[in-house]
Protein backbone atom coordinates (compact mmCIF):
# COMPACT_ATOMS: atom_id res chain seq x y z
CA MET A 1 0.00 0.00 0.00
CA GLY A 2 1.31 3.42 -0.97
CA PRO A 3 0.93 6.69 0.94
CA ILE A 4 -2.57 7.40 2.26
CA ARG A 5 -3.98 10.92 2.17
CA ALA A 6 -7.65 10.24 2.87
CA VAL A 7 -9.87 7.73 4.68
CA LEU A 8 -13.40 6.81 3.56
CA VAL A 9 -15.28 5.42 6.56
CA ASP A 10 -18.44 3.33 6.33
CA LEU A 11 -21.26 4.25 8.73
CA ASP A 12 -23.48 1.32 9.83
CA GLY A 13 -21.44 -1.50 11.29
CA THR A 14 -18.11 0.36 11.10
CA LEU A 15 -18.46 3.73 12.81
CA LEU A 16 -21.82 3.26 14.55
CA ASP A 17 -23.80 0.32 15.90
CA THR A 18 -27.25 1.18 14.54
CA VAL A 19 -29.06 -2.16 14.41
CA ALA A 20 -31.16 -1.54 17.55
CA ASP A 21 -32.75 1.54 15.94
CA LEU A 22 -33.26 -0.25 12.63
CA ALA A 23 -34.87 -3.23 14.36
CA ALA A 24 -37.17 -1.00 16.42
CA ALA A 25 -38.38 0.77 13.28
CA ILE A 26 -38.83 -2.48 11.34
CA ASN A 27 -40.83 -4.06 14.14
CA ARG A 28 -43.08 -1.02 14.48
CA VAL A 29 -43.83 -1.39 10.76
CA HIS A 30 -44.50 -5.10 11.12
CA ALA A 31 -46.80 -4.50 14.07
CA GLU A 32 -48.89 -2.09 11.99
CA LEU A 33 -49.07 -4.57 9.12
CA GLY A 34 -49.89 -7.54 11.35
CA LEU A 35 -46.61 -9.26 10.52
CA PRO A 36 -44.28 -11.13 12.89
CA ALA A 37 -41.52 -9.22 14.63
CA ARG A 38 -37.95 -9.82 13.49
CA ASP A 39 -35.07 -10.50 15.86
CA PRO A 40 -32.46 -7.70 15.84
CA THR A 41 -29.74 -10.29 15.23
CA LEU A 42 -31.53 -11.36 12.06
CA ILE A 43 -32.11 -7.77 10.97
CA ALA A 44 -28.37 -7.15 11.31
CA THR A 45 -27.84 -9.62 8.46
CA TYR A 46 -30.20 -7.59 6.26
CA VAL A 47 -28.13 -4.40 6.56
CA GLY A 48 -25.72 -3.41 3.80
CA LYS A 49 -27.40 -2.49 0.55
CA GLY A 50 -29.51 0.46 1.66
CA LEU A 51 -32.69 0.90 3.68
CA PRO A 52 -35.19 -0.13 0.95
CA THR A 53 -33.39 -3.45 0.50
CA MET A 54 -33.32 -3.98 4.26
CA VAL A 55 -37.09 -3.39 4.47
CA ARG A 56 -37.70 -5.87 1.63
CA ARG A 57 -35.52 -8.47 3.30
CA ALA A 58 -37.26 -8.02 6.64
CA LEU A 59 -40.68 -8.41 5.04
CA ALA A 60 -39.60 -11.56 3.22
CA GLY A 61 -37.50 -12.94 6.04
CA THR A 62 -34.75 -13.73 3.52
CA LEU A 63 -31.69 -12.07 2.02
CA GLU A 64 -33.29 -12.34 -1.42
CA GLY A 65 -36.05 -9.97 -0.29
CA ASP A 66 -38.65 -11.30 -2.71
CA VAL A 67 -41.87 -9.64 -1.59
CA ASP A 68 -45.13 -8.36 -3.06
CA GLU A 69 -44.50 -4.86 -4.41
CA ALA A 70 -47.71 -3.42 -2.97
CA LEU A 71 -46.78 -4.73 0.48
CA PHE A 72 -43.30 -3.24 0.16
CA GLN A 73 -44.69 0.17 -0.80
CA ARG A 74 -46.96 0.17 2.25
CA ALA A 75 -44.11 -0.91 4.50
CA TRP A 76 -41.67 1.63 3.04
CA LYS A 77 -44.01 4.54 3.69
CA LEU A 78 -44.48 3.40 7.28
CA PHE A 79 -40.77 2.75 7.78
CA ASP A 80 -39.76 6.28 6.84
CA GLY A 81 -41.76 7.75 9.70
CA HIS A 82 -40.87 5.09 12.25
CA TYR A 83 -37.16 5.25 11.50
CA ALA A 84 -37.24 9.03 11.73
CA ALA A 85 -38.53 8.55 15.29
CA GLU A 86 -36.12 5.74 16.22
CA SER A 87 -32.89 6.75 14.47
CA GLY A 88 -30.31 7.90 16.99
CA ARG A 89 -32.15 6.68 20.08
CA GLN A 90 -29.95 3.66 20.66
CA ALA A 91 -27.21 4.09 18.04
CA LYS A 92 -23.75 4.38 19.54
CA PRO A 93 -20.14 4.53 18.36
CA TYR A 94 -18.23 1.29 18.42
CA PRO A 95 -15.35 1.03 20.92
CA GLY A 96 -12.34 2.88 19.55
CA ALA A 97 -14.35 4.76 16.92
CA ARG A 98 -14.13 8.20 18.48
CA GLU A 99 -10.45 7.82 19.37
CA GLY A 100 -9.64 6.46 15.91
CA ILE A 101 -11.33 9.30 14.03
CA ALA A 102 -9.63 11.88 16.26
CA ARG A 103 -6.21 10.30 15.69
CA MET A 104 -6.74 10.19 11.92
CA ARG A 105 -7.65 13.87 11.89
CA ALA A 106 -4.59 14.64 14.02
CA GLN A 107 -2.45 13.01 11.31
CA GLY A 108 -3.85 15.45 8.76
CA LEU A 109 -5.81 12.79 6.89
CA ARG A 110 -8.85 13.86 4.86
CA LEU A 111 -11.98 12.10 6.13
CA ALA A 112 -15.31 11.35 4.45
CA CYS A 113 -18.17 9.12 5.52
CA VAL A 114 -19.34 6.84 2.68
CA THR A 115 -22.61 5.00 3.28
CA ASN A 116 -25.59 3.48 1.51
CA LYS A 117 -27.91 5.16 4.01
CA SER A 118 -29.89 8.16 2.74
CA GLU A 119 -28.54 11.65 3.37
CA ARG A 120 -31.37 12.67 5.70
CA PHE A 121 -30.72 9.88 8.19
CA THR A 122 -26.93 9.92 7.76
CA LEU A 123 -26.50 13.58 8.66
CA GLU A 124 -28.90 13.31 11.60
CA LEU A 125 -27.01 10.30 12.95
CA LEU A 126 -23.61 11.94 12.57
CA ARG A 127 -24.95 15.04 14.28
CA ASP A 128 -26.60 13.11 17.12
CA THR A 129 -23.42 11.15 17.81
CA ASN A 130 -21.11 14.20 17.54
CA PHE A 131 -19.32 12.96 14.43
CA LEU A 132 -20.69 15.44 11.90
CA ASP A 133 -17.79 17.89 12.19
CA ALA A 134 -15.24 15.07 12.08
CA PHE A 135 -15.88 14.46 8.37
CA GLU A 136 -15.51 16.90 5.51
CA PHE A 137 -18.73 15.49 4.02
CA ALA A 138 -20.78 12.32 3.67
CA ILE A 139 -21.49 10.48 0.42
CA CYS A 140 -24.90 8.87 0.86
CA GLY A 141 -26.90 6.26 -1.00
CA ASP A 142 -29.37 8.75 -2.44
CA GLN A 143 -26.60 11.00 -3.80
CA VAL A 144 -25.35 8.46 -6.35
CA ALA A 145 -26.96 6.46 -9.14
CA ARG A 146 -25.60 3.18 -7.74
CA LYS A 147 -24.83 2.26 -4.13
CA LYS A 148 -22.00 0.11 -2.79
CA PRO A 149 -20.87 -2.49 -3.86
CA ASP A 150 -20.70 -0.29 -6.97
CA PRO A 151 -17.57 1.91 -6.87
CA ALA A 152 -19.57 5.10 -7.57
CA PRO A 153 -19.75 6.31 -3.92
CA CYS A 154 -16.02 5.81 -3.34
CA LEU A 155 -15.09 7.45 -6.63
CA LEU A 156 -17.31 10.45 -5.89
CA ALA A 157 -15.70 10.83 -2.47
CA CYS A 158 -12.21 10.73 -4.03
CA GLU A 159 -13.25 13.29 -6.64
CA ARG A 160 -14.60 15.67 -4.04
CA LEU A 161 -11.50 15.25 -1.87
CA GLY A 162 -9.17 15.68 -4.84
CA VAL A 163 -7.35 12.47 -3.91
CA PRO A 164 -6.51 9.57 -6.27
CA PRO A 165 -8.31 6.34 -5.30
CA ALA A 166 -5.00 4.62 -4.61
CA GLU A 167 -4.39 7.18 -1.85
CA ALA A 168 -7.85 6.88 -0.28
CA LEU A 169 -8.23 4.06 2.23
CA VAL A 170 -11.70 2.54 2.63
CA ILE A 171 -12.54 1.18 6.08
CA GLY A 172 -15.68 -0.95 6.25
CA ASP A 173 -17.25 -4.07 7.65
CA SER A 174 -18.73 -5.95 4.71
CA GLU A 175 -18.31 -7.44 1.27
CA ASN A 176 -20.09 -4.37 -0.10
CA ASP A 177 -17.23 -2.19 1.13
CA VAL A 178 -14.54 -4.53 -0.17
CA GLN A 179 -16.10 -4.82 -3.63
CA ALA A 180 -16.69 -1.07 -3.90
CA ALA A 181 -13.11 -0.30 -2.84
CA ARG A 182 -11.58 -2.85 -5.20
CA ALA A 183 -13.60 -1.60 -8.16
CA ALA A 184 -12.66 2.00 -7.36
CA GLY A 185 -8.96 1.19 -6.98
CA CYS A 186 -8.83 1.99 -3.26
CA PRO A 187 -7.07 -0.06 -0.58
CA VAL A 188 -9.50 -1.48 1.97
CA TRP A 189 -9.31 -2.48 5.63
CA CYS A 190 -12.15 -4.14 7.54
CA VAL A 191 -13.35 -4.30 11.13
CA PRO A 192 -14.66 -7.69 12.34
CA TYR A 193 -17.64 -6.55 14.41
CA GLY A 194 -20.13 -5.13 11.89
CA TYR A 195 -22.82 -6.34 9.52
CA ASN A 196 -21.73 -8.60 6.66
CA GLU A 197 -25.13 -9.92 5.52
CA GLY A 198 -24.68 -13.13 7.49
CA ARG A 199 -21.41 -14.08 5.83
CA PRO A 200 -18.39 -15.04 7.97
CA PHE A 201 -15.99 -12.15 8.44
CA GLU A 202 -13.13 -14.40 7.36
CA SER A 203 -14.56 -14.43 3.84
CA LEU A 204 -13.68 -10.76 3.31
CA ALA A 205 -10.69 -10.34 1.00
CA CYS A 206 -9.55 -7.05 2.53
CA ASP A 207 -5.98 -5.79 2.71
CA ARG A 208 -5.89 -5.74 6.51
CA THR A 209 -8.11 -6.56 9.46
CA VAL A 210 -8.26 -3.92 12.18
CA ALA A 211 -9.90 -4.64 15.53
CA THR A 212 -11.12 -1.03 15.89
CA LEU A 213 -10.86 2.33 14.18
CA ALA A 214 -8.34 3.25 16.87
CA GLU A 215 -6.14 0.38 15.73
CA ALA A 216 -6.60 1.53 12.13
CA ALA A 217 -5.31 4.98 13.12
CA GLN A 218 -2.36 3.36 14.84
CA PHE A 219 -1.48 1.36 11.72
CA LEU A 220 -1.80 4.48 9.58
CA GLU A 221 0.63 6.30 11.85
CA ALA A 222 3.06 3.40 11.52
CA CYS A 223 2.66 3.37 7.72
CA ALA A 224 3.30 7.12 7.53
CA SER A 225 6.48 6.76 9.56
CA GLY A 226 7.67 3.79 7.53
CA ASP A 227 7.35 1.43 10.50
CA ARG A 228 4.94 -1.19 9.16
C-alpha cells in the first residue's frame, strides 16, 4: 500500500452500531401490518445495501427480499416515519471509533463518511453522535446512481476530496465495502464486528483486518512513519 492521504469510513457497522434503531423501526412497521416481529440479530444480516433493500428483506425474512411490491410500498411509507422517530435513540459509536477518528484527523488525513444510508438519516445520525464535524462530508446512497458495492460512492468521495483512489483508504465491515473499494482502486481495511449480511468475516478479501478504528489509526501512523 502506498501513501494514504484520505480515509473513507463506512457508517453502519463500522463507525456506529445502529441495528437496535433499525430493528425497532422495522418491528413497528411489522406490528402495523400484522406481521411477525424480526429479531435484531436477524435484521443485522439484512443491513448493507440500503434501507429499501433492508425493508424488503425483513418483510420476506430472507436475504433475497422477494416480496409483493404493494406490500413493500406500504411498508416503506411506514418505515420512513418510524425510523425518523427511532434513528439515533440507541445508536452508539463502536469502541475505539471516536479515538480512531480523532487520531486520523490529528495526522492530517482527509476524512469522508461513505454510506448506503440516505442523506437525511446519515447527517442526523452523525450530528446526534457528535461525528458530523469530524468528516468533511458524507457520500450517501441517495446522492449516487448506484450504491455500494458499486464503486460510484467511493469514486465520488475521491473526486470531491481531490485524492486519487490509490491514496484513499476505505474502512468498512462488509463485502459491499470490499467490492466497492476494489472496483474504485482503493485499498481497503475491515473491522470484524459489523454487519456482513450473514457471511463469515473471514470471507472478506480485505488488505488488513483492524480490531477497531483506533487500531486503524495506529497502523496508519506506523505506515506514515515507515514502520509497518
